[in-house]
Amino acid sequence: MSNVPDQLRYAPSHEWLRVESGVGTVGITDHAQAELSDVVYVDLPKVGAQFAAGTTIAVIESVKAASDIYAPVSGEVTEINPELITRPELVNSDSYGAAWLFKLKLSKPEEVDALKDAAGYRALIGE
């Protein structure tokens, strides 16, 4: 059974979002990292780049496949997690903590309401 923290919001494409003071921290869910298996590379967005909700913002490569990561909400990238450049395996060991991917300054905060809560995400993944 996957770890699904109650305080986060979830996109159907398996990204999680934690919003603090208008900035959203984004990562992939425990369920997603388990499906990918061993992560070997993370291609992160450029700081300052703008993305609309649902557009491809990053790529995670594992021994099994490359997987697009989508922006769960619209915004501007304010920070990336540099640790993942040299230690992509963190995605497998700490997907909700040390392996956050990037931070977005939300341009449309109301989009957060369209994301699933923990119960909705558990239902999506069949747990």
Protein backbone atom coordinates (compact mmCIF):
# COMPACT_ATOMS: atom_id res chain seq x y z
CA MET A 1 0.00 0.00 0.00
CA SER A 2 1.31 3.43 -0.98
CA ASN A 3 2.08 6.26 1.39
CA VAL A 4 -0.43 9.11 0.70
CA PRO A 5 0.05 12.03 3.13
CA ASP A 6 -3.25 13.70 4.05
CA GLN A 7 -1.92 17.28 3.97
CA LEU A 8 -0.97 17.24 0.26
CA ARG A 9 -2.99 17.66 -2.94
CA TYR A 10 -2.61 15.24 -5.86
CA ALA A 11 -2.82 15.42 -9.65
CA PRO A 12 -4.28 12.46 -11.57
CA SER A 13 -0.85 12.20 -13.27
CA HIS A 14 0.69 11.32 -9.85
CA GLU A 15 2.36 14.59 -8.83
CA TRP A 16 1.88 15.91 -5.30
CA LEU A 17 1.63 19.59 -4.31
CA ARG A 18 2.21 21.33 -0.97
CA VAL A 19 1.32 25.05 -0.96
CA GLU A 20 2.88 27.50 1.48
CA SER A 21 2.54 31.29 1.08
CA GLY A 22 1.58 31.10 -2.60
CA VAL A 23 4.44 28.77 -3.54
CA GLY A 24 3.82 25.13 -4.37
CA THR A 25 6.41 22.43 -3.78
CA VAL A 26 5.98 19.57 -6.28
CA GLY A 27 7.16 15.96 -6.33
CA ILE A 28 5.93 12.58 -7.50
CA THR A 29 3.91 10.26 -5.31
CA ASP A 30 5.10 7.11 -3.59
CA HIS A 31 2.81 5.16 -5.93
CA ALA A 32 4.47 6.75 -9.00
CA GLN A 33 8.02 6.10 -7.82
CA ALA A 34 7.14 2.45 -7.09
CA GLU A 35 5.72 2.07 -10.62
CA LEU A 36 8.85 3.63 -12.15
CA SER A 37 11.21 1.47 -10.05
CA ASP A 38 14.88 2.58 -9.86
CA VAL A 39 15.18 6.25 -10.86
CA VAL A 40 18.46 6.98 -12.65
CA TYR A 41 18.01 10.56 -13.97
CA VAL A 42 15.85 13.61 -13.32
CA ASP A 43 15.55 16.42 -15.90
CA LEU A 44 14.29 19.49 -14.04
CA PRO A 45 12.82 22.73 -15.44
CA LYS A 46 14.71 26.02 -15.61
CA VAL A 47 14.19 28.54 -12.81
CA GLY A 48 12.10 31.41 -14.17
CA ALA A 49 10.26 29.26 -16.72
CA GLN A 50 6.45 29.56 -16.77
CA PHE A 51 4.16 26.56 -17.12
CA ALA A 52 0.41 26.06 -17.44
CA ALA A 53 -1.30 23.37 -15.39
CA GLY A 54 -1.12 20.00 -17.15
CA THR A 55 1.88 20.80 -19.33
CA THR A 56 5.09 18.76 -19.27
CA ILE A 57 7.54 20.41 -16.87
CA ALA A 58 10.16 17.72 -16.13
CA VAL A 59 11.17 14.15 -16.99
CA ILE A 60 12.14 11.29 -14.69
CA GLU A 61 14.02 8.35 -16.14
CA SER A 62 14.16 4.97 -14.50
CA VAL A 63 15.62 1.63 -15.48
CA LYS A 64 12.15 0.82 -16.88
CA ALA A 65 11.07 4.00 -18.73
CA ALA A 66 11.16 7.76 -19.04
CA SER A 67 8.12 9.48 -17.57
CA ASP A 68 6.89 13.02 -18.16
CA ILE A 69 6.15 15.08 -15.07
CA TYR A 70 3.31 17.58 -15.42
CA ALA A 71 2.74 20.92 -13.71
CA PRO A 72 -0.12 20.27 -11.26
CA VAL A 73 -0.93 24.02 -11.28
CA SER A 74 0.11 27.02 -13.37
CA GLY A 75 3.07 29.07 -12.24
CA GLU A 76 6.67 30.15 -12.48
CA VAL A 77 9.52 27.89 -11.39
CA THR A 78 11.23 29.58 -8.44
CA GLU A 79 13.53 26.79 -7.33
CA ILE A 80 14.66 23.30 -8.32
CA ASN A 81 16.06 20.56 -6.12
CA PRO A 82 19.77 20.43 -7.05
CA GLU A 83 20.29 17.30 -4.93
CA LEU A 84 18.42 15.25 -7.54
CA ILE A 85 20.97 16.05 -10.24
CA THR A 86 23.59 13.94 -8.48
CA ARG A 87 21.28 11.72 -6.40
CA PRO A 88 18.19 10.86 -8.51
CA GLU A 89 17.67 7.71 -6.42
CA LEU A 90 16.25 9.96 -3.66
CA VAL A 91 12.99 9.86 -5.61
CA ASN A 92 12.69 6.19 -4.66
CA SER A 93 13.71 6.54 -1.02
CA ASP A 94 12.05 9.83 0.03
CA SER A 95 9.47 10.92 -2.57
CA TYR A 96 7.63 13.26 -0.17
CA GLY A 97 10.70 14.74 1.52
CA ALA A 98 14.24 15.08 0.20
CA ALA A 99 13.12 14.24 -3.36
CA TRP A 100 10.86 17.23 -4.01
CA LEU A 101 11.40 18.25 -7.63
CA PHE A 102 10.74 21.98 -7.95
CA LYS A 103 8.79 24.92 -6.54
CA LEU A 104 6.24 27.01 -8.42
CA LYS A 105 4.96 30.49 -7.61
CA LEU A 106 1.26 29.91 -8.25
CA SER A 107 -0.24 32.16 -10.93
CA LYS A 108 -3.75 30.69 -10.51
CA PRO A 109 -4.11 29.58 -6.87
CA GLU A 110 -7.70 28.49 -7.53
CA GLU A 111 -6.33 25.54 -9.56
CA VAL A 112 -5.33 23.86 -6.29
CA ASP A 113 -9.04 23.20 -5.67
CA ALA A 114 -9.18 21.01 -8.80
CA LEU A 115 -6.54 18.64 -7.42
CA LYS A 116 -7.48 15.54 -5.46
CA ASP A 117 -7.23 15.28 -1.70
CA ALA A 118 -5.60 12.20 -0.17
CA ALA A 119 -8.85 10.20 -0.14
CA GLY A 120 -9.50 11.05 -3.79
CA TYR A 121 -5.97 10.03 -4.76
CA ARG A 122 -6.22 6.75 -2.82
CA ALA A 123 -9.42 6.01 -4.75
CA LEU A 124 -7.67 6.84 -8.04
CA ILE A 125 -4.87 4.33 -7.39
CA GLY A 126 -7.27 1.74 -6.03
CA GLU A 127 -6.25 1.82 -2.36
